[in-house]
Amino acid sequence: MDLDGAGSPSRILGLSKLARLVEYFAARPQAQERLTMQVANCLDASLRPQGVGVVLEAGHTCMTQRGVRALGATTITSALLGNLRTDLRSRAEFFAVAGAAT
């Protein structure tokens, strides 16, 4: 997927583009872990930042409509690339802002 305008010198991406990016990759059934990495890899390739962090929280119909019927059950996955993967301080700051435990 190409992020129009992402190659600009400021490399600022609007929230609507993030939502479209997730919808683009989520259009077909797949594991949430793979979806999270696809979003991170696309952001990394399009924006070429020093680091990319993606935290994805999603509800799964297999948990709410079949089997245990766990209403409101969600799963959180994360993907880290670049500095957010290698620099412990940056990683901790990212997860603190994202509201996820390290």
Protein backbone atom coordinates (compact mmCIF):
# COMPACT_ATOMS: atom_id res chain seq x y z
CA MET A 1 0.00 0.00 0.00
CA ASP A 2 1.25 3.49 -0.83
CA LEU A 3 0.67 6.27 1.68
CA ASP A 4 0.06 9.36 -0.46
CA GLY A 5 1.92 12.35 0.90
CA ALA A 6 4.01 10.21 3.22
CA GLY A 7 7.14 10.97 1.22
CA SER A 8 6.93 14.67 2.04
CA PRO A 9 9.86 16.20 3.96
CA SER A 10 7.79 16.54 7.15
CA ARG A 11 6.75 12.86 7.08
CA ILE A 12 3.57 13.56 9.02
CA LEU A 13 0.78 11.03 8.69
CA GLY A 14 -2.80 11.95 9.57
CA LEU A 15 -5.01 9.78 11.73
CA SER A 16 -7.35 9.04 8.83
CA LYS A 17 -4.43 7.49 6.91
CA LEU A 18 -3.64 5.25 9.87
CA ALA A 19 -7.24 4.06 10.01
CA ARG A 20 -7.22 3.40 6.24
CA LEU A 21 -3.94 1.53 6.54
CA VAL A 22 -5.33 -0.80 9.22
CA GLU A 23 -8.56 -1.31 7.25
CA TYR A 24 -6.56 -2.10 4.11
CA PHE A 25 -4.62 -4.92 5.77
CA ALA A 26 -7.56 -6.10 7.92
CA ALA A 27 -9.81 -6.60 4.88
CA ARG A 28 -8.91 -10.28 4.70
CA PRO A 29 -8.95 -12.87 7.49
CA GLN A 30 -5.55 -13.33 9.12
CA ALA A 31 -3.78 -13.58 12.46
CA GLN A 32 -3.70 -10.34 14.44
CA GLU A 33 0.07 -10.69 14.93
CA ARG A 34 0.59 -10.68 11.17
CA LEU A 35 -1.73 -7.68 10.73
CA THR A 36 0.25 -5.74 13.36
CA MET A 37 3.55 -6.46 11.57
CA GLN A 38 2.09 -5.54 8.16
CA VAL A 39 1.05 -2.12 9.49
CA ALA A 40 4.46 -1.58 11.11
CA ASN A 41 6.36 -2.65 7.98
CA CYS A 42 4.26 -0.39 5.74
CA LEU A 43 4.82 2.62 8.01
CA ASP A 44 8.54 1.85 8.14
CA ALA A 45 8.87 1.51 4.36
CA SER A 46 6.73 4.56 3.56
CA LEU A 47 7.97 7.01 6.19
CA ARG A 48 11.51 5.71 6.84
CA PRO A 49 11.49 6.84 10.50
CA GLN A 50 14.10 5.99 13.11
CA GLY A 51 11.58 3.72 14.80
CA VAL A 52 8.06 2.36 14.40
CA GLY A 53 5.75 1.14 17.12
CA VAL A 54 2.31 -0.34 16.56
CA VAL A 55 -0.04 -1.52 19.30
CA LEU A 56 -3.23 -3.08 18.01
CA GLU A 57 -6.17 -3.97 20.25
CA ALA A 58 -8.94 -5.90 18.54
CA GLY A 59 -12.06 -7.83 19.37
CA HIS A 60 -12.46 -11.21 17.77
CA THR A 61 -15.84 -12.54 16.71
CA CYS A 62 -14.61 -16.10 17.28
CA MET A 63 -14.40 -15.23 20.99
CA THR A 64 -17.68 -13.34 21.26
CA GLN A 65 -20.03 -15.24 18.96
CA ARG A 66 -18.81 -18.82 19.24
CA GLY A 67 -17.39 -21.08 21.91
CA VAL A 68 -16.92 -19.34 25.25
CA ARG A 69 -18.88 -16.22 24.18
CA ALA A 70 -16.56 -13.91 26.09
CA LEU A 71 -18.28 -10.58 25.50
CA GLY A 72 -15.88 -7.65 25.31
CA ALA A 73 -12.82 -9.88 25.00
CA THR A 74 -9.95 -8.21 23.17
CA THR A 75 -6.40 -9.16 22.28
CA ILE A 76 -3.47 -6.73 22.22
CA THR A 77 -0.48 -7.25 19.92
CA SER A 78 2.53 -5.04 19.29
CA ALA A 79 5.29 -4.66 16.73
CA LEU A 80 8.46 -2.62 17.19
CA LEU A 81 11.03 -1.70 14.54
CA GLY A 82 14.21 0.37 14.56
CA ASN A 83 15.01 2.42 17.68
CA LEU A 84 11.82 1.38 19.43
CA ARG A 85 13.03 -2.21 19.25
CA THR A 86 16.67 -1.63 20.22
CA ASP A 87 16.55 1.33 22.65
CA LEU A 88 15.04 0.27 25.97
CA ARG A 89 14.26 3.83 27.08
CA SER A 90 12.45 4.66 23.82
CA ARG A 91 10.56 1.37 24.00
CA ALA A 92 9.43 2.04 27.59
CA GLU A 93 8.31 5.57 26.67
CA PHE A 94 6.37 4.28 23.65
CA PHE A 95 4.52 1.66 25.67
CA ALA A 96 3.79 4.16 28.44
CA VAL A 97 2.22 6.56 25.93
CA ALA A 98 0.42 3.73 24.12
CA GLY A 99 -1.02 2.49 27.42
CA ALA A 100 0.49 -0.98 27.12
CA ALA A 101 2.69 -2.77 29.63
CA THR A 102 6.30 -3.47 28.67
